[in-house]
């Protein structure tokens, strides 16, 4: 069973009375960059977006990941968004206005919903602002190597200040903005998935594939967020000692697979599915990528499908109805992929040749045994003298023995 991710936060006052909330966006990419008879290779990574609701109430934010990865491969994605408004519209899939304030700050305005928020860059090279730590936890009887990414209070304060400074300047330019209060912030980053995507993806092959000839591979993708029972117990000690709280109010989860990867089932029906607009996503996917095979795949406009699940926190004013302080999210999906590598084809050919030769030998042996049995049943050598035919004139006259002229 896979462990869960967690998004945690600490309030400014450190009080339980303050309800901290975030919207969490996941894009899990699991696609082939090479799939030939000799070799297959996949690219797997997880994009995480966190919308911080009323950031002024936050002291710090911590993301728990139940796996490890090279810290140098963690990527801030604001760098590919701040100067590309079309890409921002593609990611949020909404009609919006986009203002590039500077390299570290952008403003998004959803035209139809009157929703505004700032997108911030993440200074991953500053250990005072972003702390990345690895730690081992005991989970399911084993030691689980995990990673925590902490966005410190210094970083949160700097986000608040940059927003306030921008709004102050804009208010001086235009009186209309004086009543404008933009409190929400957004960060987005990319996490690499190594070792066959072990945090969320399990692969297996049918036991009888060499008997049935069905060379297939199955994949189970299981992503969880803030699932209390799927977190290491020791993590709760860290949560309590640091006054952290789960803070997810809704989740948008997108799983991207190759079109030929056959969807089998999922924990719940997905919200919708659509083909990926490869051209629109290309710059985003190749941002700081050195994978030539991935670039080639995108250049060829290989067909990919996006599966979308979503959920939100239960809220109710009725005291008799269940109410949750945060959303725990779980999504499981199963896919089938045809697998016909050179090894499988070679083995199949060898088996066919072996069966053909074996069948030929058996047929020959059966014929010989049947022929010998026929001779034995007739007695002697089993041959009857053939009837001779002589030609006299134009008539063919069958005779026994010699023919007298």
Protein backbone atom coordinates (compact mmCIF):
# COMPACT_ATOMS: atom_id res chain seq x y z
CA UNK A 1 0.00 0.00 0.00
CA UNK A 2 1.38 3.36 -1.00
CA UNK A 3 1.77 6.11 1.56
CA UNK A 4 -0.10 9.36 1.15
CA UNK A 5 1.15 12.84 0.33
CA UNK A 6 0.28 15.64 2.74
CA UNK A 7 -0.06 19.40 2.53
CA UNK A 8 0.31 20.99 5.96
CA UNK A 9 0.38 24.55 7.24
CA UNK A 10 0.95 26.61 10.35
CA UNK A 11 -1.07 29.72 11.13
CA UNK A 12 0.39 33.08 12.07
CA UNK A 13 -1.12 32.94 15.53
CA UNK A 14 -0.40 29.24 15.94
CA UNK A 15 -4.01 28.83 17.03
CA UNK A 16 -6.42 26.03 16.20
CA UNK A 17 -9.21 28.56 15.80
CA UNK A 18 -7.85 29.73 12.42
CA UNK A 19 -8.98 27.57 9.52
CA UNK A 20 -6.22 27.46 6.92
CA UNK A 21 -7.21 26.39 3.41
CA UNK A 22 -5.47 25.52 0.16
CA UNK A 23 -6.53 24.24 -3.25
CA UNK A 24 -4.19 21.55 -4.52
CA UNK A 25 -3.60 20.72 -8.20
CA UNK A 26 -1.82 17.57 -9.38
CA UNK A 27 -0.62 16.75 -12.90
CA UNK A 28 0.83 13.24 -12.95
CA UNK A 29 2.62 12.55 -16.25
CA UNK A 30 3.19 8.87 -17.09
CA UNK A 31 3.96 8.49 -20.80
CA UNK A 32 6.40 6.61 -23.01
CA UNK A 33 9.20 8.49 -24.73
CA UNK A 34 10.46 5.35 -26.46
CA UNK A 35 8.64 2.09 -27.09
CA UNK A 36 10.45 -0.11 -29.63
CA UNK A 37 11.11 -3.84 -29.88
CA UNK A 38 14.53 -3.38 -28.31
CA UNK A 39 13.85 -0.74 -25.65
CA UNK A 40 11.07 1.06 -23.82
CA UNK A 41 11.45 4.19 -21.71
CA UNK A 42 9.01 6.37 -19.80
CA UNK A 43 9.01 9.89 -18.46
CA UNK A 44 7.31 10.31 -15.10
CA UNK A 45 6.96 13.42 -13.01
CA UNK A 46 4.43 15.10 -10.75
CA UNK A 47 3.49 18.78 -11.04
CA UNK A 48 2.05 20.22 -7.82
CA UNK A 49 0.20 23.52 -7.66
CA UNK A 50 -0.92 25.02 -4.35
CA UNK A 51 -3.34 27.92 -4.19
CA UNK A 52 -3.00 29.52 -0.77
CA UNK A 53 -6.28 31.06 0.39
CA UNK A 54 -5.67 34.34 2.25
CA UNK A 55 -1.92 33.94 2.55
CA UNK A 56 -1.70 36.58 5.31
CA UNK A 57 -3.03 33.96 7.76
CA UNK A 58 -0.23 31.50 6.98
CA UNK A 59 3.05 31.31 8.83
CA UNK A 60 4.56 28.45 6.82
CA UNK A 61 3.61 25.57 4.52
CA UNK A 62 5.04 22.08 4.43
CA UNK A 63 4.59 19.41 1.73
CA UNK A 64 5.22 15.78 2.70
CA UNK A 65 6.26 13.39 -0.10
CA UNK A 66 6.56 9.63 0.64
CA UNK A 67 9.68 9.22 -1.53
CA UNK A 68 13.05 10.83 -2.15
CA UNK A 69 14.61 12.47 -5.20
CA UNK A 70 17.65 14.62 -6.01
CA UNK A 71 16.89 18.09 -4.65
CA UNK A 72 18.61 19.59 -7.69
CA UNK A 73 15.83 18.15 -9.91
CA UNK A 74 13.04 20.01 -8.12
CA UNK A 75 11.80 22.68 -10.56
CA UNK A 76 9.96 25.95 -9.98
CA UNK A 77 7.44 26.35 -12.82
CA UNK A 78 6.77 30.07 -12.54
CA UNK A 79 9.77 30.55 -14.83
CA UNK A 80 7.85 29.18 -17.82
CA UNK A 81 4.59 30.95 -16.93
CA UNK A 82 5.44 34.57 -16.21
CA UNK A 83 5.96 35.52 -19.87
CA UNK A 84 3.46 33.16 -21.51
CA UNK A 85 -0.17 34.12 -20.94
CA UNK A 86 -1.45 31.46 -23.38
CA UNK A 87 0.26 28.77 -21.35
CA UNK A 88 -1.36 30.06 -18.16
CA UNK A 89 -4.77 29.84 -19.83
CA UNK A 90 -3.98 26.29 -20.92
CA UNK A 91 -2.97 25.18 -17.43
CA UNK A 92 -6.01 26.65 -15.68
CA UNK A 93 -8.29 25.86 -18.63
CA UNK A 94 -10.13 29.15 -18.17
CA UNK A 95 -10.57 32.44 -19.96
CA UNK A 96 -8.45 34.81 -17.91
CA UNK A 97 -6.42 37.99 -17.90
CA UNK A 98 -2.74 37.72 -17.08
CA UNK A 99 -0.34 40.41 -15.91
CA UNK A 100 3.38 39.81 -15.74
CA UNK A 101 4.54 41.98 -12.85
CA UNK A 102 8.19 40.81 -12.84
CA UNK A 103 10.27 37.65 -12.96
CA UNK A 104 9.04 36.64 -9.53
CA UNK A 105 5.41 37.73 -9.56
CA UNK A 106 2.38 37.47 -11.89
CA UNK A 107 -1.29 38.34 -11.48
CA UNK A 108 -4.13 36.14 -12.75
CA UNK A 109 -7.72 37.37 -13.13
CA UNK A 110 -10.45 34.88 -14.01
CA UNK A 111 -12.71 37.05 -16.13
CA UNK A 112 -15.98 35.18 -15.57
CA UNK A 113 -15.69 34.52 -11.84
CA UNK A 114 -14.05 37.69 -10.54
CA UNK A 115 -11.33 35.54 -9.00
CA UNK A 116 -7.85 37.01 -8.73
CA UNK A 117 -4.63 35.64 -7.29
CA UNK A 118 -0.87 36.08 -7.56
CA UNK A 119 1.56 33.47 -8.91
CA UNK A 120 4.94 33.53 -7.16
CA UNK A 121 8.31 32.10 -8.06
CA UNK A 122 9.97 29.71 -5.62
CA UNK A 123 13.60 30.52 -4.65
CA UNK A 124 14.79 26.92 -4.48
CA UNK A 125 18.43 27.99 -4.20
CA UNK A 126 17.80 29.75 -0.86
CA UNK A 127 17.87 27.38 2.11
CA UNK A 128 16.52 30.08 4.42
CA UNK A 129 13.35 30.40 2.35
CA UNK A 130 12.82 26.83 1.14
CA UNK A 131 14.00 23.87 3.22
CA UNK A 132 14.22 20.43 1.62
CA UNK A 133 14.87 17.58 4.03
CA UNK A 134 14.95 13.80 3.88
CA UNK A 135 13.88 11.59 6.74
CA UNK A 136 13.10 7.94 7.34
CA UNK A 137 9.75 6.94 8.81
CA UNK A 138 8.52 3.48 9.72
CA UNK A 139 5.52 2.57 7.58
CA UNK A 140 3.90 -0.86 7.09
CA UNK A 141 6.74 -2.52 8.95
CA UNK A 142 9.45 -0.99 6.76
CA UNK A 143 11.58 2.12 6.73
CA UNK A 144 10.19 4.63 4.26
CA UNK A 145 12.51 7.33 2.95
CA UNK A 146 10.53 10.57 2.65
CA UNK A 147 11.04 14.19 1.65
CA UNK A 148 9.57 17.35 3.15
CA UNK A 149 9.55 20.69 1.36
CA UNK A 150 9.02 23.58 3.74
CA UNK A 151 8.10 27.03 2.53
CA UNK A 152 9.26 29.00 5.56
CA UNK A 153 7.67 31.98 7.28
CA UNK A 154 10.32 34.21 5.71
CA UNK A 155 9.18 33.16 2.26
CA UNK A 156 5.49 33.56 3.10
CA UNK A 157 6.18 37.03 4.53
CA UNK A 158 8.07 37.98 1.36
CA UNK A 159 5.09 36.84 -0.73
CA UNK A 160 2.74 39.00 1.34
CA UNK A 161 5.02 42.03 1.04
CA UNK A 162 5.43 41.73 -2.74
CA UNK A 163 1.65 41.55 -3.15
CA UNK A 164 1.08 44.53 -0.90
CA UNK A 165 3.73 46.58 -2.69
CA UNK A 166 2.21 45.87 -6.08
CA UNK A 167 -1.33 46.70 -4.97
CA UNK A 168 -0.17 49.90 -3.33
CA UNK A 169 1.44 51.09 -6.56
CA UNK A 170 -1.58 50.12 -8.63
CA UNK A 171 -3.96 51.86 -6.24
CA UNK A 172 -2.02 55.07 -6.68
CA UNK A 173 -2.40 54.74 -10.44
CA UNK A 174 -6.10 53.88 -10.50
CA UNK A 175 -8.65 54.67 -7.80
CA UNK A 176 -10.76 51.74 -8.93
CA UNK A 177 -8.25 49.36 -7.34
CA UNK A 178 -8.43 51.00 -3.92
CA UNK A 179 -11.17 48.63 -2.81
CA UNK A 180 -9.49 45.66 -4.44
CA UNK A 181 -8.30 43.02 -2.01
CA UNK A 182 -6.32 40.18 -3.59
CA UNK A 183 -5.45 37.82 -0.78
CA UNK A 184 -4.72 34.52 -2.52
CA UNK A 185 -1.38 33.25 -3.81
CA UNK A 186 -0.27 30.35 -5.99
CA UNK A 187 2.93 28.35 -6.38
CA UNK A 188 3.67 25.51 -8.76
CA UNK A 189 6.62 23.11 -8.91
CA UNK A 190 7.69 19.86 -10.53
CA UNK A 191 8.85 16.74 -8.69
CA UNK A 192 10.69 13.94 -10.56
CA UNK A 193 9.54 10.36 -10.08
CA UNK A 194 12.31 7.77 -10.21
CA UNK A 195 12.65 4.03 -9.68
CA UNK A 196 9.68 3.09 -11.88
CA UNK A 197 7.48 5.70 -10.29
CA UNK A 198 7.31 3.68 -7.07
CA UNK A 199 5.45 6.32 -5.00
CA UNK A 200 2.18 5.96 -6.93
CA UNK A 201 2.57 3.43 -9.75
CA UNK A 202 2.61 -0.37 -9.53
CA UNK A 203 3.20 -2.62 -12.54
CA UNK A 204 2.47 -6.31 -12.97
CA UNK A 205 2.13 -8.88 -15.74
CA UNK A 206 -0.43 -11.72 -16.05
CA UNK A 207 0.88 -14.96 -14.56
CA UNK A 208 -0.22 -17.09 -17.57
CA UNK A 209 0.96 -14.73 -20.31
CA UNK A 210 3.36 -17.28 -21.82
CA UNK A 211 0.54 -19.81 -22.02
CA UNK A 212 -2.17 -17.55 -23.37
CA UNK A 213 0.17 -15.55 -25.60
CA UNK A 214 -1.26 -12.28 -24.24
CA UNK A 215 1.88 -10.22 -23.71
CA UNK A 216 0.38 -7.38 -21.69
CA UNK A 217 1.35 -5.21 -18.76
CA UNK A 218 -1.00 -3.70 -16.21
CA UNK A 219 -0.44 -0.47 -14.33
CA UNK A 220 -2.19 0.66 -11.17
CA UNK A 221 -1.86 4.38 -10.44
CA UNK A 222 -2.78 5.22 -6.85
CA UNK A 223 -2.42 8.83 -5.68
CA UNK A 224 -3.49 9.95 -2.20
CA UNK A 225 -3.46 13.26 -0.36
CA UNK A 226 -3.95 13.81 3.37
CA UNK A 227 -5.17 10.24 3.86
CA UNK A 228 -4.66 10.00 7.61
CA UNK A 229 -4.51 6.21 7.79
CA UNK A 230 -1.89 6.08 5.02
CA UNK A 231 0.64 8.35 6.70
CA UNK A 232 3.50 7.22 8.98
CA UNK A 233 2.58 7.46 12.66
CA UNK A 234 5.84 9.25 13.45
CA UNK A 235 4.78 12.05 11.11
CA UNK A 236 2.00 12.96 13.54
CA UNK A 237 4.57 13.68 16.22
CA UNK A 238 6.19 16.19 13.86
CA UNK A 239 2.79 17.65 13.00
CA UNK A 240 1.77 18.14 16.64
CA UNK A 241 5.13 19.43 17.84
CA UNK A 242 5.20 22.08 15.09
CA UNK A 243 1.51 23.09 15.35
CA UNK A 244 0.86 22.02 11.76
CA UNK A 245 -2.58 21.33 10.32
CA UNK A 246 -3.94 19.62 7.21
CA UNK A 247 -5.26 22.38 5.01
CA UNK A 248 -6.63 21.06 1.68
CA UNK A 249 -10.16 22.20 0.81
CA UNK A 250 -10.34 20.85 -2.76
CA UNK A 251 -8.23 18.84 -5.19
CA UNK A 252 -7.94 18.85 -8.99
CA UNK A 253 -6.08 15.76 -10.21
CA UNK A 254 -5.03 15.21 -13.83
CA UNK A 255 -3.45 11.93 -14.96
CA UNK A 256 -1.84 11.95 -18.41
CA UNK A 257 -1.34 8.65 -20.28
CA UNK A 258 -0.56 7.55 -23.84
CA UNK A 259 -3.72 7.17 -25.92
CA UNK A 260 -2.99 3.49 -26.61
CA UNK A 261 -2.78 2.76 -22.87
CA UNK A 262 -6.19 1.20 -22.30
CA UNK A 263 -8.21 2.49 -19.35
CA UNK A 264 -9.68 -0.42 -17.34
CA UNK A 265 -11.26 0.90 -14.15
CA UNK A 266 -10.95 3.49 -11.40
CA UNK A 267 -12.10 4.02 -7.82
CA UNK A 268 -14.73 6.41 -9.11
CA UNK A 269 -15.75 7.67 -12.53
CA UNK A 270 -13.42 10.42 -13.69
CA UNK A 271 -14.92 13.87 -14.14
CA UNK A 272 -13.92 14.00 -17.80
CA UNK A 273 -11.26 12.91 -20.27
CA UNK A 274 -9.83 14.71 -23.29
CA UNK A 275 -6.87 14.60 -25.63
CA UNK A 276 -3.83 16.67 -24.75
CA UNK A 277 -3.18 19.72 -26.94
CA UNK A 278 0.47 18.82 -27.46
CA UNK A 279 1.39 22.07 -29.15
CA UNK A 280 -0.03 24.19 -26.34
CA UNK A 281 1.73 22.16 -23.64
CA UNK A 282 5.07 21.67 -25.35
CA UNK A 283 6.96 24.62 -23.84
CA UNK A 284 5.63 23.76 -20.40
CA UNK A 285 6.60 20.08 -20.59
CA UNK A 286 10.08 20.74 -21.96
CA UNK A 287 10.87 23.46 -19.43
CA UNK A 288 14.37 22.64 -18.13
CA UNK A 289 14.12 19.16 -19.66
CA UNK A 290 17.15 17.47 -21.21
CA UNK A 291 15.25 14.43 -22.51
CA UNK A 292 15.69 14.36 -26.30
CA UNK A 293 13.28 11.42 -26.66
CA UNK A 294 10.57 13.38 -24.87
CA UNK A 295 11.10 16.33 -27.17
CA UNK A 296 10.89 14.04 -30.19
CA UNK A 297 7.63 12.59 -28.89
CA UNK A 298 6.13 16.07 -28.56
CA UNK A 299 7.46 17.12 -31.97
CA UNK A 300 5.63 14.15 -33.49
CA UNK A 301 2.39 15.20 -31.74
CA UNK A 302 1.97 11.78 -30.17
CA UNK A 303 -1.58 11.37 -28.91
CA UNK A 304 -2.03 11.53 -25.13
CA UNK A 305 -5.17 11.57 -23.00
CA UNK A 306 -5.84 13.57 -19.83
CA UNK A 307 -8.06 11.94 -17.18
CA UNK A 308 -9.51 14.36 -14.64
CA UNK A 309 -10.73 13.68 -11.09
CA UNK A 310 -11.75 16.29 -8.54
CA UNK A 311 -13.16 16.55 -5.05
CA UNK A 312 -13.87 19.21 -2.43
CA UNK A 313 -14.18 19.43 1.32
CA UNK A 314 -17.59 18.73 2.82
CA UNK A 315 -19.11 21.77 4.47
CA UNK A 316 -22.51 22.11 6.04
CA UNK A 317 -24.32 24.56 8.27
CA UNK A 318 -26.51 21.73 9.50
CA UNK A 319 -25.06 20.42 12.77
CA UNK A 320 -26.50 16.96 12.09
CA UNK A 321 -24.55 16.58 8.85
CA UNK A 322 -20.94 15.50 8.65
CA UNK A 323 -18.41 18.30 8.33
CA UNK A 324 -14.69 17.95 7.67
CA UNK A 325 -11.89 20.36 8.54
CA UNK A 326 -9.94 19.29 5.48
CA UNK A 327 -10.24 17.10 2.40
CA UNK A 328 -8.62 13.68 2.24
CA UNK A 329 -8.32 12.57 -1.37
CA UNK A 330 -7.67 9.22 -3.00
CA UNK A 331 -7.73 8.24 -6.68
CA UNK A 332 -6.94 4.82 -8.13
CA UNK A 333 -6.94 3.91 -11.81
CA UNK A 334 -5.92 0.77 -13.71
CA UNK A 335 -4.56 0.63 -17.28
CA UNK A 336 -3.56 -2.13 -19.70
CA UNK A 337 -0.65 -1.81 -22.11
CA UNK A 338 0.30 -4.23 -24.88
CA UNK A 339 3.88 -5.42 -24.49
CA UNK A 340 5.61 -7.01 -27.50
CA UNK A 341 9.33 -6.62 -27.02
CA UNK A 342 12.08 -8.39 -28.96
CA UNK A 343 12.39 -10.92 -26.14
CA UNK A 344 8.69 -11.81 -26.38
CA UNK A 345 8.72 -12.07 -30.18
CA UNK A 346 11.87 -14.22 -30.18
CA UNK A 347 10.39 -16.53 -27.57
CA UNK A 348 7.14 -16.77 -29.54
CA UNK A 349 9.02 -17.71 -32.73
CA UNK A 350 11.08 -20.33 -30.88
CA UNK A 351 7.94 -21.86 -29.40
CA UNK A 352 6.25 -21.98 -32.84
CA UNK A 353 9.30 -23.63 -34.43
CA UNK A 354 9.54 -26.13 -31.59
CA UNK A 355 5.84 -27.01 -31.93
CA UNK A 356 6.15 -27.31 -35.72
CA UNK A 357 9.17 -29.62 -35.53
CA UNK A 358 7.57 -31.63 -32.75
CA UNK A 359 4.32 -32.03 -34.70
CA UNK A 360 6.26 -33.12 -37.79
CA UNK A 361 8.20 -35.74 -35.84
CA UNK A 362 5.05 -37.09 -34.20
CA UNK A 363 3.25 -37.27 -37.57
CA UNK A 364 6.20 -39.16 -39.14
CA UNK A 365 6.34 -41.59 -36.25
CA UNK A 366 2.60 -42.26 -36.41
CA UNK A 367 2.81 -42.87 -40.18
CA UNK A 368 5.67 -45.35 -39.80
CA UNK A 369 3.87 -47.22 -37.02
CA UNK A 370 0.65 -47.40 -39.09
CA UNK A 371 2.50 -48.55 -42.22
CA UNK A 372 4.31 -51.32 -40.32
CA UNK A 373 1.04 -52.47 -38.79
CA UNK A 374 -0.55 -52.67 -42.30
CA UNK A 375 2.27 -54.89 -43.59
CA UNK A 376 1.93 -57.18 -40.59
CA UNK A 377 -1.83 -57.52 -41.10
CA UNK A 378 -1.44 -58.56 -44.80
CA UNK A 379 1.26 -61.15 -44.11
CA UNK A 380 4.53 -61.74 -45.95
CA UNK A 381 5.92 -58.76 -47.57
CA UNK A 382 2.37 -57.50 -48.16
CA UNK A 383 2.88 -56.77 -51.89
CA UNK A 384 0.50 -57.91 -54.65
CA UNK A 385 2.10 -58.29 -58.10
CA UNK A 386 1.10 -55.34 -60.18
CA UNK A 387 -1.14 -55.75 -63.23
CA UNK A 388 0.89 -55.38 -66.40
CA UNK A 389 -0.40 -53.57 -69.41
CA UNK A 390 0.70 -54.35 -72.99
CA UNK A 391 -0.02 -52.41 -76.10
CA UNK A 392 -1.19 -54.19 -79.28
CA UNK A 393 -2.19 -52.06 -82.07
CA UNK A 394 -4.33 -49.32 -80.74
CA UNK A 395 -5.86 -51.42 -77.95
CA UNK A 396 -4.56 -51.68 -74.45
CA UNK A 397 -4.91 -55.32 -73.35
CA UNK A 398 -4.35 -56.26 -69.70
CA UNK A 399 -2.79 -59.76 -69.35
CA UNK A 400 -1.36 -61.86 -66.59
CA UNK A 401 2.16 -63.09 -67.00
CA UNK A 402 3.84 -62.85 -70.39
CA UNK A 403 2.08 -61.75 -73.59
CA UNK A 404 2.39 -64.07 -76.61
CA UNK A 405 2.66 -62.42 -79.99
